């Protein structure tokens, strides 16, 4: 699901001054399956907080990594519902889980955009 989000992230990074924050939750089963690793590594320098989430491999012991599923990592992340807009792309189960986590945090459906 990262491919469609990629151009959006570069646009958001270019307009970083207009935004309170940008966070990407990038999930895969293993490190080797994380696409665009070179670009993802560069995004923090552009103002994008990146949380890499691995479901079948122990992640690095650093705050930018999480074990489990994207929707679980999102649910554990602080969310300001009044200032959150989400773009979700990926497997249907992950998309539905992310939408549920956002709704639980108080983010309205009108602020969630999806494509898969």
PDB file of N, CA and C in Angstrom:
ATOM      1  N   UNK A   1       0.784  -1.202   0.000  1.00  0.00           N
ATOM      2  CA  UNK A   1       0.000   0.000   0.000  1.00  0.00           C
ATOM      3  C   UNK A   1       0.830   1.273   0.000  1.00  0.00           C
ATOM      4  N   UNK A   2       2.171   1.163   0.083  1.00  0.00           N
ATOM      5  CA  UNK A   2       2.985   2.380   0.176  1.00  0.00           C
ATOM      6  C   UNK A   2       3.090   3.130  -1.160  1.00  0.00           C
ATOM      7  N   UNK A   3       3.000   2.420  -2.276  1.00  0.00           N
ATOM      8  CA  UNK A   3       3.185   3.071  -3.577  1.00  0.00           C
ATOM      9  C   UNK A   3       2.249   4.251  -3.799  1.00  0.00           C
ATOM     10  N   UNK A   4       0.935   4.121  -3.594  1.00  0.00           N
ATOM     11  CA  UNK A   4       0.060   5.276  -3.792  1.00  0.00           C
ATOM     12  C   UNK A   4       0.282   6.390  -2.762  1.00  0.00           C
ATOM     13  N   UNK A   5       0.782   6.037  -1.595  1.00  0.00           N
ATOM     14  CA  UNK A   5       0.988   7.023  -0.539  1.00  0.00           C
ATOM     15  C   UNK A   5       2.280   7.824  -0.771  1.00  0.00           C
ATOM     16  N   UNK A   6       3.195   7.249  -1.514  1.00  0.00           N
ATOM     17  CA  UNK A   6       4.525   7.825  -1.719  1.00  0.00           C
ATOM     18  C   UNK A   6       4.483   9.254  -2.264  1.00  0.00           C
ATOM     19  N   UNK A   7       3.752   9.484  -3.345  1.00  0.00           N
ATOM     20  CA  UNK A   7       3.713  10.830  -3.914  1.00  0.00           C
ATOM     21  C   UNK A   7       3.013  11.803  -2.966  1.00  0.00           C
ATOM     22  N   UNK A   8       2.000  11.334  -2.256  1.00  0.00           N
ATOM     23  CA  UNK A   8       1.331  12.170  -1.263  1.00  0.00           C
ATOM     24  C   UNK A   8       2.311  12.608  -0.176  1.00  0.00           C
ATOM     25  N   UNK A   9       3.152  11.686   0.280  1.00  0.00           N
ATOM     26  CA  UNK A   9       4.121  12.028   1.326  1.00  0.00           C
ATOM     27  C   UNK A   9       5.116  13.085   0.864  1.00  0.00           C
ATOM     28  N   UNK A  10       5.597  12.961  -0.370  1.00  0.00           N
ATOM     29  CA  UNK A  10       6.526  13.976  -0.863  1.00  0.00           C
ATOM     30  C   UNK A  10       5.835  15.339  -0.975  1.00  0.00           C
ATOM     31  N   UNK A  11       4.567  15.352  -1.395  1.00  0.00           N
ATOM     32  CA  UNK A  11       3.825  16.609  -1.462  1.00  0.00           C
ATOM     33  C   UNK A  11       3.642  17.190  -0.066  1.00  0.00           C
ATOM     34  N   UNK A  12       3.240  16.355   0.879  1.00  0.00           N
ATOM     35  CA  UNK A  12       3.062  16.820   2.254  1.00  0.00           C
ATOM     36  C   UNK A  12       4.367  17.355   2.833  1.00  0.00           C
ATOM     37  N   UNK A  13       5.465  16.664   2.570  1.00  0.00           N
ATOM     38  CA  UNK A  13       6.768  17.120   3.065  1.00  0.00           C
ATOM     39  C   UNK A  13       7.118  18.485   2.477  1.00  0.00           C
ATOM     40  N   UNK A  14       6.771  18.705   1.221  1.00  0.00           N
ATOM     41  CA  UNK A  14       7.052  19.992   0.582  1.00  0.00           C
ATOM     42  C   UNK A  14       6.198  21.114   1.177  1.00  0.00           C
ATOM     43  N   UNK A  15       5.074  20.769   1.773  1.00  0.00           N
ATOM     44  CA  UNK A  15       4.172  21.748   2.382  1.00  0.00           C
ATOM     45  C   UNK A  15       4.157  21.613   3.904  1.00  0.00           C
ATOM     46  N   UNK A  16       5.229  21.129   4.450  1.00  0.00           N
ATOM     47  CA  UNK A  16       5.359  20.825   5.874  1.00  0.00           C
ATOM     48  C   UNK A  16       4.998  22.005   6.767  1.00  0.00           C
ATOM     49  N   UNK A  17       5.303  23.207   6.336  1.00  0.00           N
ATOM     50  CA  UNK A  17       5.034  24.388   7.156  1.00  0.00           C
ATOM     51  C   UNK A  17       3.557  24.632   7.401  1.00  0.00           C
ATOM     52  N   UNK A  18       2.696  24.082   6.554  1.00  0.00           N
ATOM     53  CA  UNK A  18       1.257  24.257   6.692  1.00  0.00           C
ATOM     54  C   UNK A  18       0.616  23.217   7.605  1.00  0.00           C
ATOM     55  N   UNK A  19       1.405  22.273   8.100  1.00  0.00           N
ATOM     56  CA  UNK A  19       0.867  21.127   8.833  1.00  0.00           C
ATOM     57  C   UNK A  19       1.441  21.038  10.235  1.00  0.00           C
ATOM     58  N   UNK A  20       0.677  20.455  11.140  1.00  0.00           N
ATOM     59  CA  UNK A  20       1.160  20.260  12.513  1.00  0.00           C
ATOM     60  C   UNK A  20       2.087  19.065  12.610  1.00  0.00           C
ATOM     61  N   UNK A  21       1.886  18.062  11.794  1.00  0.00           N
ATOM     62  CA  UNK A  21       2.728  16.869  11.837  1.00  0.00           C
ATOM     63  C   UNK A  21       2.303  15.869  10.784  1.00  0.00           C
ATOM     64  N   UNK A  22       3.248  15.058  10.382  1.00  0.00           N
ATOM     65  CA  UNK A  22       2.989  14.011   9.400  1.00  0.00           C
ATOM     66  C   UNK A  22       3.573  12.726   9.961  1.00  0.00           C
ATOM     67  N   UNK A  23       2.760  11.689  10.032  1.00  0.00           N
ATOM     68  CA  UNK A  23       3.245  10.398  10.505  1.00  0.00           C
ATOM     69  C   UNK A  23       2.856   9.329   9.504  1.00  0.00           C
ATOM     70  N   UNK A  24       3.816   8.522   9.121  1.00  0.00           N
ATOM     71  CA  UNK A  24       3.589   7.381   8.241  1.00  0.00           C
ATOM     72  C   UNK A  24       3.734   6.101   9.054  1.00  0.00           C
ATOM     73  N   UNK A  25       2.728   5.262   9.020  1.00  0.00           N
ATOM     74  CA  UNK A  25       2.817   3.915   9.576  1.00  0.00           C
ATOM     75  C   UNK A  25       3.023   2.997   8.379  1.00  0.00           C
ATOM     76  N   UNK A  26       4.205   2.402   8.297  1.00  0.00           N
ATOM     77  CA  UNK A  26       4.605   1.587   7.145  1.00  0.00           C
ATOM     78  C   UNK A  26       4.746   0.144   7.608  1.00  0.00           C
ATOM     79  N   UNK A  27       3.837  -0.718   7.175  1.00  0.00           N
ATOM     80  CA  UNK A  27       3.840  -2.079   7.673  1.00  0.00           C
ATOM     81  C   UNK A  27       4.207  -3.119   6.636  1.00  0.00           C
ATOM     82  N   UNK A  28       4.790  -4.194   7.126  1.00  0.00           N
ATOM     83  CA  UNK A  28       5.123  -5.357   6.305  1.00  0.00           C
ATOM     84  C   UNK A  28       5.344  -6.543   7.236  1.00  0.00           C
ATOM     85  N   UNK A  29       5.468  -7.711   6.658  1.00  0.00           N
ATOM     86  CA  UNK A  29       5.748  -8.888   7.479  1.00  0.00           C
ATOM     87  C   UNK A  29       7.179  -8.848   8.003  1.00  0.00           C
ATOM     88  N   UNK A  30       8.135  -8.499   7.115  1.00  0.00           N
ATOM     89  CA  UNK A  30       9.555  -8.490   7.477  1.00  0.00           C
ATOM     90  C   UNK A  30      10.216  -7.217   6.947  1.00  0.00           C
ATOM     91  N   UNK A  31      11.429  -6.928   7.438  1.00  0.00           N
ATOM     92  CA  UNK A  31      12.194  -5.772   6.942  1.00  0.00           C
ATOM     93  C   UNK A  31      12.378  -5.836   5.435  1.00  0.00           C
ATOM     94  N   UNK A  32      12.684  -7.025   4.931  1.00  0.00           N
ATOM     95  CA  UNK A  32      12.946  -7.183   3.501  1.00  0.00           C
ATOM     96  C   UNK A  32      11.726  -6.833   2.649  1.00  0.00           C
ATOM     97  N   UNK A  33      10.545  -6.892   3.217  1.00  0.00           N
ATOM     98  CA  UNK A  33       9.330  -6.592   2.464  1.00  0.00           C
ATOM     99  C   UNK A  33       8.912  -5.131   2.558  1.00  0.00           C
ATOM    100  N   UNK A  34       9.636  -4.320   3.300  1.00  0.00           N
ATOM    101  CA  UNK A  34       9.337  -2.891   3.364  1.00  0.00           C
ATOM    102  C   UNK A  34       9.820  -2.234   2.066  1.00  0.00           C
ATOM    103  N   UNK A  35       8.895  -1.720   1.287  1.00  0.00           N
ATOM    104  CA  UNK A  35       9.232  -1.110  -0.001  1.00  0.00           C
ATOM    105  C   UNK A  35       9.830   0.282   0.185  1.00  0.00           C
ATOM    106  N   UNK A  36      10.585   0.714  -0.812  1.00  0.00           N
ATOM    107  CA  UNK A  36      11.148   2.063  -0.861  1.00  0.00           C
ATOM    108  C   UNK A  36      11.942   2.411   0.395  1.00  0.00           C
ATOM    109  N   UNK A  37      12.727   1.485   0.897  1.00  0.00           N
ATOM    110  CA  UNK A  37      13.441   1.707   2.161  1.00  0.00           C
ATOM    111  C   UNK A  37      14.345   2.926   2.125  1.00  0.00           C
ATOM    112  N   UNK A  38      14.998   3.180   1.006  1.00  0.00           N
ATOM    113  CA  UNK A  38      15.862   4.357   0.903  1.00  0.00           C
ATOM    114  C   UNK A  38      15.081   5.645   1.080  1.00  0.00           C
ATOM    115  N   UNK A  39      13.942   5.741   0.420  1.00  0.00           N
ATOM    116  CA  UNK A  39      13.105   6.931   0.555  1.00  0.00           C
ATOM    117  C   UNK A  39      12.514   7.036   1.957  1.00  0.00           C
ATOM    118  N   UNK A  40      12.037   5.923   2.483  1.00  0.00           N
ATOM    119  CA  UNK A  40      11.437   5.933   3.817  1.00  0.00           C
ATOM    120  C   UNK A  40      12.451   6.417   4.846  1.00  0.00           C
ATOM    121  N   UNK A  41      13.696   6.005   4.698  1.00  0.00           N
ATOM    122  CA  UNK A  41      14.759   6.429   5.604  1.00  0.00           C
ATOM    123  C   UNK A  41      15.005   7.936   5.490  1.00  0.00           C
ATOM    124  N   UNK A  42      14.787   8.509   4.314  1.00  0.00           N
ATOM    125  CA  UNK A  42      15.022   9.940   4.099  1.00  0.00           C
ATOM    126  C   UNK A  42      13.862  10.808   4.583  1.00  0.00           C
ATOM    127  N   UNK A  43      12.668  10.272   4.714  1.00  0.00           N
ATOM    128  CA  UNK A  43      11.502  11.089   5.048  1.00  0.00           C
ATOM    129  C   UNK A  43      11.591  11.797   6.395  1.00  0.00           C
ATOM    130  N   UNK A  44      12.173  11.226   7.433  1.00  0.00           N
ATOM    131  CA  UNK A  44      12.266  12.001   8.685  1.00  0.00           C
ATOM    132  C   UNK A  44      12.995  13.338   8.517  1.00  0.00           C
ATOM    133  N   UNK A  45      13.996  13.378   7.665  1.00  0.00           N
ATOM    134  CA  UNK A  45      14.700  14.639   7.421  1.00  0.00           C
ATOM    135  C   UNK A  45      13.797  15.658   6.724  1.00  0.00           C
ATOM    136  N   UNK A  46      12.730  15.172   6.101  1.00  0.00           N
ATOM    137  CA  UNK A  46      11.759  16.038   5.430  1.00  0.00           C
ATOM    138  C   UNK A  46      10.571  16.372   6.335  1.00  0.00           C
ATOM    139  N   UNK A  47      10.637  15.957   7.592  1.00  0.00           N
ATOM    140  CA  UNK A  47       9.585  16.278   8.539  1.00  0.00           C
ATOM    141  C   UNK A  47       8.501  15.227   8.674  1.00  0.00           C
ATOM    142  N   UNK A  48       8.752  14.035   8.171  1.00  0.00           N
ATOM    143  CA  UNK A  48       7.778  12.951   8.263  1.00  0.00           C
ATOM    144  C   UNK A  48       8.230  11.965   9.337  1.00  0.00           C
ATOM    145  N   UNK A  49       7.419  11.808  10.377  1.00  0.00           N
ATOM    146  CA  UNK A  49       7.713  10.785  11.384  1.00  0.00           C
ATOM    147  C   UNK A  49       7.333   9.435  10.776  1.00  0.00           C
ATOM    148  N   UNK A  50       8.241   8.482  10.837  1.00  0.00           N
ATOM    149  CA  UNK A  50       7.996   7.161  10.259  1.00  0.00           C
ATOM    150  C   UNK A  50       7.981   6.118  11.368  1.00  0.00           C
ATOM    151  N   UNK A  51       6.922   5.304  11.379  1.00  0.00           N
ATOM    152  CA  UNK A  51       6.825   4.166  12.281  1.00  0.00           C
ATOM    153  C   UNK A  51       6.747   2.921  11.393  1.00  0.00           C
ATOM    154  N   UNK A  52       7.808   2.121  11.422  1.00  0.00           N
ATOM    155  CA  UNK A  52       7.828   0.873  10.645  1.00  0.00           C
ATOM    156  C   UNK A  52       7.271  -0.233  11.537  1.00  0.00           C
ATOM    157  N   UNK A  53       6.320  -0.995  10.993  1.00  0.00           N
ATOM    158  CA  UNK A  53       5.628  -2.020  11.768  1.00  0.00           C
ATOM    159  C   UNK A  53       5.840  -3.368  11.097  1.00  0.00           C
ATOM    160  N   UNK A  54       6.402  -4.313  11.855  1.00  0.00           N
ATOM    161  CA  UNK A  54       6.671  -5.658  11.329  1.00  0.00           C
ATOM    162  C   UNK A  54       5.801  -6.673  12.044  1.00  0.00           C
ATOM    163  N   UNK A  55       5.120  -7.512  11.277  1.00  0.00           N
ATOM    164  CA  UNK A  55       4.227  -8.495  11.886  1.00  0.00           C
ATOM    165  C   UNK A  55       4.881  -9.850  12.127  1.00  0.00           C
ATOM    166  N   UNK A  56       5.961 -10.164  11.394  1.00  0.00           N
ATOM    167  CA  UNK A  56       6.552 -11.493  11.531  1.00  0.00           C
ATOM    168  C   UNK A  56       8.044 -11.468  11.817  1.00  0.00           C
ATOM    169  N   UNK A  57       8.541 -10.348  12.279  1.00  0.00           N
ATOM    170  CA  UNK A  57       9.968 -10.227  12.566  1.00  0.00           C
ATOM    171  C   UNK A  57      10.137  -9.242  13.721  1.00  0.00           C
ATOM    172  N   UNK A  58      11.114  -9.490  14.559  1.00  0.00           N
ATOM    173  CA  UNK A  58      11.377  -8.573  15.658  1.00  0.00           C
ATOM    174  C   UNK A  58      11.996  -7.291  15.100  1.00  0.00           C
ATOM    175  N   UNK A  59      11.380  -6.142  15.364  1.00  0.00           N
ATOM    176  CA  UNK A  59      11.903  -4.889  14.827  1.00  0.00           C
ATOM    177  C   UNK A  59      13.113  -4.393  15.601  1.00  0.00           C
ATOM    178  N   UNK A  60      13.747  -3.383  15.047  1.00  0.00           N
ATOM    179  CA  UNK A  60      14.852  -2.723  15.735  1.00  0.00           C
ATOM    180  C   UNK A  60      14.341  -2.151  17.054  1.00  0.00           C
ATOM    181  N   UNK A  61      15.215  -2.098  18.038  1.00  0.00           N
ATOM    182  CA  UNK A  61      14.837  -1.557  19.356  1.00  0.00           C
ATOM    183  C   UNK A  61      14.986  -0.044  19.328  1.00  0.00           C
ATOM    184  N   UNK A  62      14.083   0.612  18.635  1.00  0.00           N
ATOM    185  CA  UNK A  62      14.103   2.067  18.572  1.00  0.00           C
ATOM    186  C   UNK A  62      12.669   2.536  18.364  1.00  0.00           C
ATOM    187  N   UNK A  63      12.360   3.764  18.753  1.00  0.00           N
ATOM    188  CA  UNK A  63      10.974   4.226  18.724  1.00  0.00           C
ATOM    189  C   UNK A  63      10.354   4.256  17.325  1.00  0.00           C
ATOM    190  N   UNK A  64      11.151   4.218  16.293  1.00  0.00           N
ATOM    191  CA  UNK A  64      10.623   4.241  14.933  1.00  0.00           C
ATOM    192  C   UNK A  64      10.183   2.881  14.427  1.00  0.00           C
ATOM    193  N   UNK A  65      10.195   1.868  15.291  1.00  0.00           N
ATOM    194  CA  UNK A  65       9.809   0.511  14.901  1.00  0.00           C
ATOM    195  C   UNK A  65       8.783  -0.031  15.880  1.00  0.00           C
ATOM    196  N   UNK A  66       7.905  -0.907  15.379  1.00  0.00           N
ATOM    197  CA  UNK A  66       6.914  -1.558  16.239  1.00  0.00           C
ATOM    198  C   UNK A  66       6.693  -2.981  15.738  1.00  0.00           C
ATOM    199  N   UNK A  67       6.276  -3.837  16.642  1.00  0.00           N
ATOM    200  CA  UNK A  67       5.957  -5.234  16.308  1.00  0.00           C
ATOM    201  C   UNK A  67       4.449  -5.379  16.307  1.00  0.00           C
ATOM    202  N   UNK A  68       3.913  -6.042  15.321  1.00  0.00           N
ATOM    203  CA  UNK A  68       2.480  -6.301  15.260  1.00  0.00           C
ATOM    204  C   UNK A  68       1.910  -5.844  13.938  1.00  0.00           C
ATOM    205  N   UNK A  69       0.780  -5.161  14.024  1.00  0.00           N
ATOM    206  CA  UNK A  69       0.073  -4.698  12.831  1.00  0.00           C
ATOM    207  C   UNK A  69      -0.073  -3.177  12.879  1.00  0.00           C
ATOM    208  N   UNK A  70      -0.217  -2.583  11.714  1.00  0.00           N
ATOM    209  CA  UNK A  70      -0.310  -1.126  11.612  1.00  0.00           C
ATOM    210  C   UNK A  70      -1.422  -0.585  12.501  1.00  0.00           C
ATOM    211  N   UNK A  71      -2.585  -1.225  12.483  1.00  0.00           N
ATOM    212  CA  UNK A  71      -3.701  -0.720  13.272  1.00  0.00           C
ATOM    213  C   UNK A  71      -3.403  -0.750  14.773  1.00  0.00           C
ATOM    214  N   UNK A  72      -2.600  -1.718  15.218  1.00  0.00           N
ATOM    215  CA  UNK A  72      -2.204  -1.769  16.633  1.00  0.00           C
ATOM    216  C   UNK A  72      -1.217  -0.656  16.957  1.00  0.00           C
ATOM    217  N   UNK A  73      -0.254  -0.432  16.071  1.00  0.00           N
ATOM    218  CA  UNK A  73       0.716   0.642  16.292  1.00  0.00           C
ATOM    219  C   UNK A  73       0.022   2.001  16.286  1.00  0.00           C
ATOM    220  N   UNK A  74      -0.935   2.173  15.392  1.00  0.00           N
ATOM    221  CA  UNK A  74      -1.695   3.415  15.341  1.00  0.00           C
ATOM    222  C   UNK A  74      -2.484   3.624  16.628  1.00  0.00           C
ATOM    223  N   UNK A  75      -3.137   2.578  17.112  1.00  0.00           N
ATOM    224  CA  UNK A  75      -3.948   2.688  18.331  1.00  0.00           C
ATOM    225  C   UNK A  75      -3.097   3.079  19.538  1.00  0.00           C
ATOM    226  N   UNK A  76      -1.812   2.718  19.542  1.00  0.00           N
ATOM    227  CA  UNK A  76      -0.912   3.050  20.642  1.00  0.00           C
ATOM    228  C   UNK A  76      -0.286   4.438  20.482  1.00  0.00           C
ATOM    229  N   UNK A  77      -0.532   5.088  19.367  1.00  0.00           N
ATOM    230  CA  UNK A  77       0.071   6.383  19.041  1.00  0.00           C
ATOM    231  C   UNK A  77      -0.878   7.508  19.475  1.00  0.00           C
ATOM    232  N   UNK A  78      -0.350   8.604  20.039  1.00  0.00           N
ATOM    233  CA  UNK A  78      -1.246   9.709  20.402  1.00  0.00           C
ATOM    234  C   UNK A  78      -1.860  10.344  19.149  1.00  0.00           C
ATOM    235  N   UNK A  79      -3.172  10.551  19.189  1.00  0.00           N
ATOM    236  CA  UNK A  79      -3.891  11.124  18.053  1.00  0.00           C
ATOM    237  C   UNK A  79      -4.705  12.317  18.547  1.00  0.00           C
ATOM    238  N   UNK A  80      -4.581  13.438  17.848  1.00  0.00           N
ATOM    239  CA  UNK A  80      -5.396  14.617  18.108  1.00  0.00           C
ATOM    240  C   UNK A  80      -6.515  14.607  17.062  1.00  0.00           C
ATOM    241  N   UNK A  81      -7.717  14.150  17.420  1.00  0.00           N
ATOM    242  CA  UNK A  81      -8.764  13.974  16.416  1.00  0.00           C
ATOM    243  C   UNK A  81      -9.154  15.266  15.694  1.00  0.00           C
ATOM    244  N   UNK A  82      -9.017  16.392  16.344  1.00  0.00           N
ATOM    245  CA  UNK A  82      -9.383  17.657  15.709  1.00  0.00           C
ATOM    246  C   UNK A  82      -8.393  18.056  14.619  1.00  0.00           C
ATOM    247  N   UNK A  83      -7.200  17.503  14.649  1.00  0.00           N
ATOM    248  CA  UNK A  83      -6.158  17.874  13.690  1.00  0.00           C
ATOM    249  C   UNK A  83      -5.622  16.676  12.920  1.00  0.00           C
ATOM    250  N   UNK A  84      -6.464  15.668  12.722  1.00  0.00           N
ATOM    251  CA  UNK A  84      -6.006  14.457  12.041  1.00  0.00           C
ATOM    252  C   UNK A  84      -6.783  14.238  10.752  1.00  0.00           C
ATOM    253  N   UNK A  85      -6.030  14.006   9.695  1.00  0.00           N
ATOM    254  CA  UNK A  85      -6.558  13.540   8.423  1.00  0.00           C
ATOM    255  C   UNK A  85      -5.732  12.314   8.088  1.00  0.00           C
ATOM    256  N   UNK A  86      -6.383  11.231   7.688  1.00  0.00           N
ATOM    257  CA  UNK A  86      -5.669   9.985   7.426  1.00  0.00           C
ATOM    258  C   UNK A  86      -5.878   9.543   5.984  1.00  0.00           C
ATOM    259  N   UNK A  87      -4.804   9.054   5.395  1.00  0.00           N
ATOM    260  CA  UNK A  87      -4.840   8.445   4.072  1.00  0.00           C
ATOM    261  C   UNK A  87      -4.399   7.008   4.263  1.00  0.00           C
ATOM    262  N   UNK A  88      -5.251   6.075   3.887  1.00  0.00           N
ATOM    263  CA  UNK A  88      -5.011   4.665   4.176  1.00  0.00           C
ATOM    264  C   UNK A  88      -5.024   3.875   2.882  1.00  0.00           C
ATOM    265  N   UNK A  89      -4.007   3.038   2.723  1.00  0.00           N
ATOM    266  CA  UNK A  89      -3.919   2.197   1.550  1.00  0.00           C
ATOM    267  C   UNK A  89      -3.272   0.886   1.954  1.00  0.00           C
ATOM    268  N   UNK A  90      -3.853  -0.222   1.521  1.00  0.00           N
ATOM    269  CA  UNK A  90      -3.269  -1.516   1.835  1.00  0.00           C
ATOM    270  C   UNK A  90      -4.313  -2.609   1.840  1.00  0.00           C
ATOM    271  N   UNK A  91      -3.993  -3.674   2.527  1.00  0.00           N
ATOM    272  CA  UNK A  91      -4.875  -4.827   2.606  1.00  0.00           C
ATOM    273  C   UNK A  91      -6.191  -4.424   3.299  1.00  0.00           C
ATOM    274  N   UNK A  92      -7.318  -4.956   2.832  1.00  0.00           N
ATOM    275  CA  UNK A  92      -8.615  -4.569   3.405  1.00  0.00           C
ATOM    276  C   UNK A  92      -8.704  -4.738   4.920  1.00  0.00           C
ATOM    277  N   UNK A  93      -8.146  -5.790   5.477  1.00  0.00           N
ATOM    278  CA  UNK A  93      -8.195  -5.990   6.925  1.00  0.00           C
ATOM    279  C   UNK A  93      -7.455  -4.896   7.674  1.00  0.00           C
ATOM    280  N   UNK A  94      -6.311  -4.477   7.147  1.00  0.00           N
ATOM    281  CA  UNK A  94      -5.550  -3.390   7.768  1.00  0.00           C
ATOM    282  C   UNK A  94      -6.316  -2.083   7.642  1.00  0.00           C
ATOM    283  N   UNK A  95      -6.870  -1.820   6.467  1.00  0.00           N
ATOM    284  CA  UNK A  95      -7.619  -0.584   6.252  1.00  0.00           C
ATOM    285  C   UNK A  95      -8.786  -0.498   7.232  1.00  0.00           C
ATOM    286  N   UNK A  96      -9.542  -1.574   7.372  1.00  0.00           N
ATOM    287  CA  UNK A  96     -10.685  -1.571   8.296  1.00  0.00           C
ATOM    288  C   UNK A  96     -10.216  -1.418   9.738  1.00  0.00           C
ATOM    289  N   UNK A  97      -9.104  -2.062  10.095  1.00  0.00           N
ATOM    290  CA  UNK A  97      -8.556  -1.921  11.441  1.00  0.00           C
ATOM    291  C   UNK A  97      -8.091  -0.511  11.732  1.00  0.00           C
ATOM    292  N   UNK A  98      -7.468   0.132  10.763  1.00  0.00           N
ATOM    293  CA  UNK A  98      -7.015   1.516  10.924  1.00  0.00           C
ATOM    294  C   UNK A  98      -8.217   2.438  11.062  1.00  0.00           C
ATOM    295  N   UNK A  99      -9.227   2.244  10.228  1.00  0.00           N
ATOM    296  CA  UNK A  99     -10.429   3.069  10.326  1.00  0.00           C
ATOM    297  C   UNK A  99     -11.080   2.917  11.704  1.00  0.00           C
ATOM    298  N   UNK A 100     -11.109   1.698  12.222  1.00  0.00           N
ATOM    299  CA  UNK A 100     -11.686   1.462  13.553  1.00  0.00           C
ATOM    300  C   UNK A 100     -10.858   2.148  14.636  1.00  0.00           C
ATOM    301  N   UNK A 101      -9.522   2.056  14.544  1.00  0.00           N
ATOM    302  CA  UNK A 101      -8.644   2.704  15.532  1.00  0.00           C
ATOM    303  C   UNK A 101      -8.810   4.222  15.482  1.00  0.00           C
ATOM    304  N   UNK A 102      -8.926   4.777  14.285  1.00  0.00           N
ATOM    305  CA  UNK A 102      -9.131   6.223  14.152  1.00  0.00           C
ATOM    306  C   UNK A 102     -10.484   6.637  14.733  1.00  0.00           C
ATOM    307  N   UNK A 103     -11.525   5.853  14.439  1.00  0.00           N
ATOM    308  CA  UNK A 103     -12.853   6.153  14.984  1.00  0.00           C
ATOM    309  C   UNK A 103     -12.826   6.092  16.507  1.00  0.00           C
ATOM    310  N   UNK A 104     -12.140   5.097  17.058  1.00  0.00           N
ATOM    311  CA  UNK A 104     -12.022   4.963  18.513  1.00  0.00           C
ATOM    312  C   UNK A 104     -11.330   6.180  19.122  1.00  0.00           C
ATOM    313  N   UNK A 105     -10.403   6.769  18.361  1.00  0.00           N
ATOM    314  CA  UNK A 105      -9.675   7.954  18.835  1.00  0.00           C
ATOM    315  C   UNK A 105     -10.466   9.238  18.608  1.00  0.00           C
ATOM    316  N   UNK A 106     -11.631   9.130  17.962  1.00  0.00           N
ATOM    317  CA  UNK A 106     -12.465  10.305  17.747  1.00  0.00           C
ATOM    318  C   UNK A 106     -12.304  10.974  16.400  1.00  0.00           C
ATOM    319  N   UNK A 107     -11.589  10.342  15.479  1.00  0.00           N
ATOM    320  CA  UNK A 107     -11.408  10.900  14.134  1.00  0.00           C
ATOM    321  C   UNK A 107     -12.644  10.537  13.307  1.00  0.00           C
ATOM    322  N   UNK A 108     -13.308  11.534  12.750  1.00  0.00           N
ATOM    323  CA  UNK A 108     -14.510  11.299  11.958  1.00  0.00           C
ATOM    324  C   UNK A 108     -14.218  10.649  10.618  1.00  0.00           C
ATOM    325  N   UNK A 109     -15.184   9.913  10.105  1.00  0.00           N
ATOM    326  CA  UNK A 109     -15.038   9.220   8.824  1.00  0.00           C
ATOM    327  C   UNK A 109     -14.727  10.184   7.680  1.00  0.00           C
ATOM    328  N   UNK A 110     -15.188  11.425   7.787  1.00  0.00           N
ATOM    329  CA  UNK A 110     -14.939  12.420   6.731  1.00  0.00           C
ATOM    330  C   UNK A 110     -13.460  12.806   6.645  1.00  0.00           C
ATOM    331  N   UNK A 111     -12.675  12.473   7.657  1.00  0.00           N
ATOM    332  CA  UNK A 111     -11.245  12.789   7.678  1.00  0.00           C
ATOM    333  C   UNK A 111     -10.382  11.601   7.292  1.00  0.00           C
ATOM    334  N   UNK A 112     -10.999  10.523   6.834  1.00  0.00           N
ATOM    335  CA  UNK A 112     -10.267   9.297   6.476  1.00  0.00           C
ATOM    336  C   UNK A 112     -10.495   9.020   4.987  1.00  0.00           C
ATOM    337  N   UNK A 113      -9.396   8.982   4.253  1.00  0.00           N
ATOM    338  CA  UNK A 113      -9.443   8.725   2.815  1.00  0.00           C
ATOM    339  C   UNK A 113      -8.761   7.397   2.556  1.00  0.00           C
ATOM    340  N   UNK A 114      -9.344   6.593   1.668  1.00  0.00           N
ATOM    341  CA  UNK A 114      -8.769   5.284   1.423  1.00  0.00           C
ATOM    342  C   UNK A 114      -8.717   4.947  -0.045  1.00  0.00           C
ATOM    343  N   UNK A 115      -7.765   4.057  -0.359  1.00  0.00           N
ATOM    344  CA  UNK A 115      -7.594   3.568  -1.720  1.00  0.00           C
ATOM    345  C   UNK A 115      -6.898   2.227  -1.630  1.00  0.00           C
ATOM    346  N   UNK A 116      -7.498   1.193  -2.108  1.00  0.00           N
ATOM    347  CA  UNK A 116      -6.869  -0.133  -2.198  1.00  0.00           C
ATOM    348  C   UNK A 116      -7.501  -0.935  -3.284  1.00  0.00           C
TER     349      UNK A 116
END
